[in-house]
Structure formats: structure tokens, C-alpha cells
């Protein structure tokens, strides 16, 4: 009887735990498809603890480089970024929490403009990631050079 309960519990919760963590290639794809691909310098950041596991984070940042912007961001613009961070309970598996930003931090950012006119995370925990930002820039440069070669050959 107890083996049946253990097996039943295992098969009920296994699918939930498999989908709790997004694979890196999904996060990378989300970052590559972001509406806003920018480099920012954090000017000010506020953390508000909502409960034992969640924080509301609002940051003000200066745009220092724009690689892609559907909302027409320009270098020098000041933007507000709002998002939540959910910590994992001790001993629990799950998605990596969204990062805390720090004042004066400079980082690549993958965002979208939300309905409240602020910006929010486009790639969850990978939304502030210099490696993905560098990769995005390198990929776009390679694609542009391939396009130029194709046009020359026509």
C-alpha cells in the first residue's frame, strides 16, 4: 500500500518539477526575441518585500546603448523597470529567481514595454545578462554580413 502511494505521488509531482525550470536555450531564445535589447546603467533601485518569498523591484535606469527598440528608446533615455522576484523555499527546486539590480550596475537588458508604460522582463531570470547581450550583438553582426554577401551575389 505505501509503495503505491509513493509511486502515485512520484508520478503526480514529476511532471510539475520537470516544467518548473526553463532550459537555458529557452531563456536565450526569449532574450533574442525581446522587444527591447539595450544596455543600461542603474541609477536608483527600490525593493519592497511583499511576503516571505516575493519582492517588488522598481529600478530607474539610463539607456547607454540601444541594439533594438520597438518603443523607440534612445541612448540617454531614463526608463523605469518594474518586476517581481520570487525566492525558492529552502530545499525546493524551481526556476532561478529574477535578479536583484544594484545601483550603478551596468548590464545588458532584455525588456518589453508594459501597459503601465514601465518596462518589464522579457527573458525572466536572463533579462539582465551581459553574455546574452554580447551574443545578441555578435549574432546580429553575422546576419548583417551574410545579407550583404547575398545582395552582392545577386
Foldseek 3Di string as FASTA:
>chain_A
DVVVVVVVVCVVCVVVLVPQEDDPVQLLVLLLPFQWKFKWFWADKDWDDPDPFKIKIKTKIATQGTPHHPPPDDHGDIAIEIDMWGHDDPPDDGYDTADDDDHRDIFIARWDQDPVRHIYHRRGNCRTPRVSSVVSVVVVVVVVVVVVVVVVVD
